[in-house]
C-alpha atoms as a PDB file:
ATOM      1  CA  MET A   1       0.021  -0.008  -0.013  1.00  0.00           C
ATOM      2  CA  PRO A   2       1.721   3.214  -1.136  1.00  0.00           C
ATOM      3  CA  VAL A   3       1.535   6.346   1.078  1.00  0.00           C
ATOM      4  CA  HIS A   4       2.422   9.496  -0.842  1.00  0.00           C
ATOM      5  CA  PHE A   5       4.142  12.343   0.963  1.00  0.00           C
ATOM      6  CA  THR A   6       4.636  15.906  -0.379  1.00  0.00           C
ATOM      7  CA  PHE A   7       6.778  18.476   1.365  1.00  0.00           C
ATOM      8  CA  ARG A   8       6.734  22.239   1.715  1.00  0.00           C
ATOM      9  CA  PRO A   9       9.192  23.592   0.872  1.00  0.00           C
ATOM     10  CA  SER A  10      10.274  20.956  -1.626  1.00  0.00           C
ATOM     11  CA  VAL A  11      13.722  19.699  -0.682  1.00  0.00           C
ATOM     12  CA  GLY A  12      14.497  17.349  -3.576  1.00  0.00           C
ATOM     13  CA  CYS A  13      18.014  16.145  -2.679  1.00  0.00           C
ATOM     14  CA  VAL A  14      16.989  15.729   0.947  1.00  0.00           C
ATOM     15  CA  GLU A  15      13.947  13.700  -0.088  1.00  0.00           C
ATOM     16  CA  GLU A  16      16.286  11.374  -2.000  1.00  0.00           C
ATOM     17  CA  GLN A  17      18.579  11.128   1.007  1.00  0.00           C
ATOM     18  CA  ALA A  18      15.634  10.425   3.355  1.00  0.00           C
ATOM     19  CA  THR A  19      14.358   7.742   0.958  1.00  0.00           C
ATOM     20  CA  GLU A  20      17.749   6.070   0.896  1.00  0.00           C
ATOM     21  CA  ILE A  21      18.002   6.183   4.667  1.00  0.00           C
ATOM     22  CA  ILE A  22      14.534   4.673   5.130  1.00  0.00           C
ATOM     23  CA  ASN A  23      15.365   1.900   2.681  1.00  0.00           C
ATOM     24  CA  ILE A  24      18.644   1.088   4.391  1.00  0.00           C
ATOM     25  CA  GLU A  25      17.003   1.094   7.827  1.00  0.00           C
ATOM     26  CA  ALA A  26      14.125  -1.076   6.641  1.00  0.00           C
ATOM     27  CA  ARG A  27      16.492  -3.657   5.102  1.00  0.00           C
ATOM     28  CA  ALA A  28      18.656  -3.647   8.198  1.00  0.00           C
ATOM     29  CA  THR A  29      15.629  -4.073  10.408  1.00  0.00           C
ATOM     30  CA  ASN A  30      14.263  -6.970   8.373  1.00  0.00           C
ATOM     31  CA  ASN A  31      17.590  -8.792   8.451  1.00  0.00           C
ATOM     32  CA  ASN A  32      19.327  -7.830  11.674  1.00  0.00           C
ATOM     33  CA  LYS A  33      18.109  -6.146  14.836  1.00  0.00           C
ATOM     34  CA  CYS A  34      20.831  -3.585  15.373  1.00  0.00           C
ATOM     35  CA  ALA A  35      18.480  -0.822  16.487  1.00  0.00           C
ATOM     36  CA  PRO A  36      18.648  -1.245  20.287  1.00  0.00           C
ATOM     37  CA  ILE A  37      22.432  -1.004  20.396  1.00  0.00           C
ATOM     38  CA  VAL A  38      22.497   1.932  17.998  1.00  0.00           C
ATOM     39  CA  GLU A  39      19.860   3.774  20.061  1.00  0.00           C
ATOM     40  CA  LEU A  40      21.853   3.202  23.221  1.00  0.00           C
ATOM     41  CA  LEU A  41      25.054   4.383  21.543  1.00  0.00           C
ATOM     42  CA  VAL A  42      23.430   7.547  20.192  1.00  0.00           C
ATOM     43  CA  GLU A  43      22.190   8.379  23.722  1.00  0.00           C
ATOM     44  CA  GLN A  44      25.730   7.931  25.027  1.00  0.00           C
ATOM     45  CA  TYR A  45      27.079  10.055  22.188  1.00  0.00           C
ATOM     46  CA  HIS A  46      24.794  12.947  22.986  1.00  0.00           C
ATOM     47  CA  GLY A  47      25.395  12.482  26.729  1.00  0.00           C
ATOM     48  CA  THR A  48      29.092  13.211  26.653  1.00  0.00           C
ATOM     49  CA  SER A  49      31.084  16.302  25.825  1.00  0.00           C
ATOM     50  CA  ASP A  50      34.441  14.480  25.636  1.00  0.00           C
ATOM     51  CA  GLN A  51      35.441  14.515  21.981  1.00  0.00           C
ATOM     52  CA  ARG A  52      37.592  11.384  22.257  1.00  0.00           C
ATOM     53  CA  GLU A  53      34.631   9.469  23.768  1.00  0.00           C
ATOM     54  CA  LYS A  54      32.275  10.862  21.023  1.00  0.00           C
ATOM     55  CA  SER A  55      34.689   9.575  18.394  1.00  0.00           C
ATOM     56  CA  ARG A  56      34.842   6.122  20.041  1.00  0.00           C
ATOM     57  CA  ILE A  57      31.045   5.904  20.265  1.00  0.00           C
ATOM     58  CA  LYS A  58      30.631   7.065  16.677  1.00  0.00           C
ATOM     59  CA  HIS A  59      32.985   4.303  15.608  1.00  0.00           C
ATOM     60  CA  GLU A  60      30.911   1.767  17.584  1.00  0.00           C
ATOM     61  CA  ILE A  61      27.753   2.946  15.793  1.00  0.00           C
ATOM     62  CA  TYR A  62      29.556   2.577  12.479  1.00  0.00           C
ATOM     63  CA  LYS A  63      30.575  -0.975  13.366  1.00  0.00           C
ATOM     64  CA  ALA A  64      26.977  -1.839  14.330  1.00  0.00           C
ATOM     65  CA  TYR A  65      25.739  -0.603  10.960  1.00  0.00           C
ATOM     66  CA  MET A  66      28.509  -2.425   9.070  1.00  0.00           C
ATOM     67  CA  GLU A  67      27.456  -5.613  10.737  1.00  0.00           C
ATOM     68  CA  ALA A  68      23.679  -4.985  10.221  1.00  0.00           C
ATOM     69  CA  LEU A  69      24.079  -4.074   6.551  1.00  0.00           C
ATOM     70  CA  GLU A  70      26.417  -6.943   5.635  1.00  0.00           C
ATOM     71  CA  GLY A  71      24.582  -9.009   3.094  1.00  0.00           C
ATOM     72  CA  VAL A  72      21.870  -6.377   2.848  1.00  0.00           C
ATOM     73  CA  VAL A  73      23.635  -3.840   0.635  1.00  0.00           C
ATOM     74  CA  ALA A  74      26.204  -4.457  -2.111  1.00  0.00           C
ATOM     75  CA  TYR A  75      29.720  -5.023  -0.721  1.00  0.00           C
ATOM     76  CA  ASP A  76      31.125  -2.052  -2.644  1.00  0.00           C
ATOM     77  CA  ARG A  77      28.522   0.251  -0.985  1.00  0.00           C
ATOM     78  CA  LEU A  78      28.728  -1.197   2.509  1.00  0.00           C
ATOM     79  CA  GLN A  79      31.207   1.283   3.999  1.00  0.00           C
ATOM     80  CA  GLY A  80      29.523   4.278   2.419  1.00  0.00           C
ATOM     81  CA  GLU A  81      26.097   3.263   3.616  1.00  0.00           C
ATOM     82  CA  ALA A  82      27.281   2.497   7.132  1.00  0.00           C
ATOM     83  CA  LYS A  83      29.062   5.896   7.218  1.00  0.00           C
ATOM     84  CA  MET A  84      25.935   7.707   6.054  1.00  0.00           C
ATOM     85  CA  MET A  85      23.720   5.955   8.599  1.00  0.00           C
ATOM     86  CA  THR A  86      26.186   6.763  11.372  1.00  0.00           C
ATOM     87  CA  LYS A  87      26.283  10.447  10.382  1.00  0.00           C
ATOM     88  CA  THR A  88      22.491  10.490  10.172  1.00  0.00           C
ATOM     89  CA  CYS A  89      22.042   8.927  13.662  1.00  0.00           C
ATOM     90  CA  VAL A  90      24.536  11.236  15.270  1.00  0.00           C
ATOM     91  CA  LYS A  91      22.795  14.193  13.719  1.00  0.00           C
ATOM     92  CA  GLY A  92      19.603  13.134  15.421  1.00  0.00           C
ATOM     93  CA  VAL A  93      17.640  11.816  12.425  1.00  0.00           C
ATOM     94  CA  LYS A  94      15.790   8.636  13.458  1.00  0.00           C
ATOM     95  CA  PRO A  95      14.340   6.656  10.556  1.00  0.00           C
ATOM     96  CA  ARG A  96      13.985   3.833  13.084  1.00  0.00           C
ATOM     97  CA  VAL A  97      11.239   5.828  14.802  1.00  0.00           C
ATOM     98  CA  VAL A  98       9.126   5.877  11.632  1.00  0.00           C
ATOM     99  CA  ILE A  99       9.685   2.160  11.041  1.00  0.00           C
ATOM    100  CA  ASN A 100       8.977   1.175  14.670  1.00  0.00           C
ATOM    101  CA  PHE A 101       5.936   3.399  14.786  1.00  0.00           C
ATOM    102  CA  LEU A 102       4.424   1.584  11.852  1.00  0.00           C
ATOM    103  CA  ASP A 103       5.680  -1.897  12.911  1.00  0.00           C
ATOM    104  CA  HIS A 104       3.974  -1.689  16.305  1.00  0.00           C
ATOM    105  CA  ARG A 105       0.698  -1.267  14.464  1.00  0.00           C
ATOM    106  CA  GLY A 106       1.236  -4.292  12.187  1.00  0.00           C
ATOM    107  CA  ILE A 107       2.524  -2.323   9.243  1.00  0.00           C
ATOM    108  CA  GLU A 108       5.850  -3.300   7.643  1.00  0.00           C
ATOM    109  CA  VAL A 109       7.785  -0.755   5.634  1.00  0.00           C
ATOM    110  CA  ASP A 110       8.803  -2.562   2.456  1.00  0.00           C
ATOM    111  CA  HIS A 111      10.682   0.297   0.755  1.00  0.00           C
ATOM    112  CA  ALA A 112      10.468   3.937  -0.236  1.00  0.00           C
ATOM    113  CA  GLU A 113      11.140   5.797  -3.463  1.00  0.00           C
ATOM    114  CA  VAL A 114      11.090   9.268  -4.864  1.00  0.00           C
ATOM    115  CA  LYS A 115       8.505   9.909  -7.552  1.00  0.00           C
ATOM    116  CA  GLY A 116       8.118  13.677  -7.451  1.00  0.00           C
ATOM    117  CA  SER A 117       7.604  13.107  -3.708  1.00  0.00           C
ATOM    118  CA  ILE A 118       8.350  10.343  -1.293  1.00  0.00           C
ATOM    119  CA  VAL A 119       6.294   7.193  -1.688  1.00  0.00           C
ATOM    120  CA  LEU A 120       6.442   4.844   1.285  1.00  0.00           C
ATOM    121  CA  TYR A 121       5.345   1.268   0.408  1.00  0.00           C
ATOM    122  CA  CYS A 122       3.877  -0.630   3.324  1.00  0.00           C
ATOM    123  CA  LYS A 123       2.721  -4.224   3.795  1.00  0.00           C
ATOM    124  CA  MET A 124      -0.268  -5.079   5.967  1.00  0.00           C
ATOM    125  CA  ARG A 125      -1.438  -8.513   6.833  1.00  0.00           C
ATOM    126  CA  THR A 126      -4.624  -7.524   8.730  1.00  0.00           C
ATOM    127  CA  VAL A 127      -7.581  -5.224   8.281  1.00  0.00           C
ATOM    128  CA  GLU A 128      -6.686  -3.622  11.578  1.00  0.00           C
ATOM    129  CA  ALA A 129      -3.222  -2.663  10.271  1.00  0.00           C
ATOM    130  CA  LEU A 130      -4.869  -1.084   7.203  1.00  0.00           C
ATOM    131  CA  PHE A 131      -7.254   0.849   9.486  1.00  0.00           C
ATOM    132  CA  HIS A 132      -4.280   1.995  11.631  1.00  0.00           C
ATOM    133  CA  LEU A 133      -2.478   3.262   8.529  1.00  0.00           C
ATOM    134  CA  GLN A 134      -5.526   5.237   7.443  1.00  0.00           C
ATOM    135  CA  GLN A 135      -5.912   6.629  10.948  1.00  0.00           C
ATOM    136  CA  MET A 136      -2.252   7.705  11.118  1.00  0.00           C
ATOM    137  CA  VAL A 137      -2.559   9.483   7.761  1.00  0.00           C
ATOM    138  CA  ASP A 138      -5.852  11.191   8.766  1.00  0.00           C
ATOM    139  CA  SER A 139      -4.578  12.289  12.199  1.00  0.00           C
ATOM    140  CA  GLY A 140      -1.307  13.642  10.820  1.00  0.00           C
ATOM    141  CA  GLU A 141       0.844  11.417  13.085  1.00  0.00           C
ATOM    142  CA  LEU A 142       2.754   9.992  10.165  1.00  0.00           C
ATOM    143  CA  CYS A 143       3.263  13.457   8.610  1.00  0.00           C
ATOM    144  CA  GLN A 144       4.729  14.758  11.874  1.00  0.00           C
ATOM    145  CA  LEU A 145       7.281  11.956  12.011  1.00  0.00           C
ATOM    146  CA  LEU A 146       8.450  12.528   8.428  1.00  0.00           C
ATOM    147  CA  SER A 147       8.335  16.346   8.826  1.00  0.00           C
ATOM    148  CA  ARG A 148      10.773  16.050  11.814  1.00  0.00           C
ATOM    149  CA  MET A 149      13.064  13.706   9.908  1.00  0.00           C
ATOM    150  CA  LEU A 150      13.262  15.881   6.780  1.00  0.00           C
ATOM    151  CA  SER A 151      13.594  19.083   8.825  1.00  0.00           C
ATOM    152  CA  LEU A 152      16.660  17.676  10.536  1.00  0.00           C
ATOM    153  CA  LEU A 153      18.177  16.533   7.254  1.00  0.00           C
ATOM    154  CA  ALA A 154      17.430  19.840   5.475  1.00  0.00           C
ATOM    155  CA  ASP A 155      18.324  22.092   8.409  1.00  0.00           C
ATOM    156  CA  THR A 156      15.066  23.999   7.818  1.00  0.00           C
ATOM    157  CA  GLU A 157      11.401  23.557   8.793  1.00  0.00           C
ATOM    158  CA  VAL A 158       9.701  21.134   6.418  1.00  0.00           C
ATOM    159  CA  THR A 159       5.998  20.260   6.488  1.00  0.00           C
ATOM    160  CA  ALA A 160       4.819  16.902   5.189  1.00  0.00           C
ATOM    161  CA  THR A 161       1.405  16.034   3.842  1.00  0.00           C
ATOM    162  CA  ALA A 162       0.411  12.360   3.356  1.00  0.00           C
ATOM    163  CA  SER A 163      -2.280  10.748   1.220  1.00  0.00           C
ATOM    164  CA  LEU A 164      -3.607   7.288   0.493  1.00  0.00           C
ATOM    165  CA  SER A 165      -5.292   6.505  -2.805  1.00  0.00           C
ATOM    166  CA  PRO A 166      -8.947   5.660  -2.104  1.00  0.00           C
ATOM    167  CA  GLN A 167      -8.896   3.071  -4.928  1.00  0.00           C
ATOM    168  CA  GLN A 168      -5.779   1.374  -3.570  1.00  0.00           C
ATOM    169  CA  TYR A 169      -7.191   1.459   0.002  1.00  0.00           C
ATOM    170  CA  ASP A 170     -10.461  -0.172  -1.206  1.00  0.00           C
ATOM    171  CA  HIS A 171      -8.509  -2.784  -3.149  1.00  0.00           C
ATOM    172  CA  ALA A 172      -6.317  -3.613  -0.136  1.00  0.00           C
ATOM    173  CA  LEU A 173      -9.411  -3.796   2.093  1.00  0.00           C
ATOM    174  CA  LYS A 174     -11.101  -6.154  -0.375  1.00  0.00           C
ATOM    175  CA  LEU A 175      -8.009  -8.415  -0.450  1.00  0.00           C
ATOM    176  CA  LEU A 176      -7.681  -8.478   3.321  1.00  0.00           C
ATOM    177  CA  THR A 177     -11.355  -9.306   3.889  1.00  0.00           C
ATOM    178  CA  SER A 178     -11.651 -11.870   1.126  1.00  0.00           C
ATOM    179  CA  ALA A 179     -11.649 -15.615   1.877  1.00  0.00           C
ATOM    180  CA  HIS A 180      -8.071 -15.705   0.555  1.00  0.00           C
ATOM    181  CA  GLY A 181      -6.952 -12.786   2.774  1.00  0.00           C
ATOM    182  CA  LYS A 182      -8.324 -14.335   6.049  1.00  0.00           C
END
């Protein structure tokens, strides 16, 4: 089920970066649970003013992402992707929050792509998960999460708007409630 996001102001290159970060985090999550250690390390990083300790912690975050992404991204991109995720985490951008937020409601982030805006593709196995997704779009919860993430990446205030296609929603609902979907 695709969720379409548009942003004001448009921050094209940041949207591409956010999409790449979401995809990496989604793949790492589906293959290796590195999130708890990374979250703990980021807390420690922000909790110290000692530059030597910050550098050590940053290296530990990098190692955690190297391990999590091994076999998930192409070998020639592994170091670059781990470095980007480390930089992103240290900056305070938390794609994990978006993924966990959805996951706790039975919605799995499959991938994201840029098609004039960010399109987040989600998988739902239950009608309740589909209802949750619609509710999160209607309430603006999902928009707030992506707005915060893009604002941090762009170093400016960014406002997200989300939409679900009524036709795709109806189709997904029909599939989930059919005899095959039960």
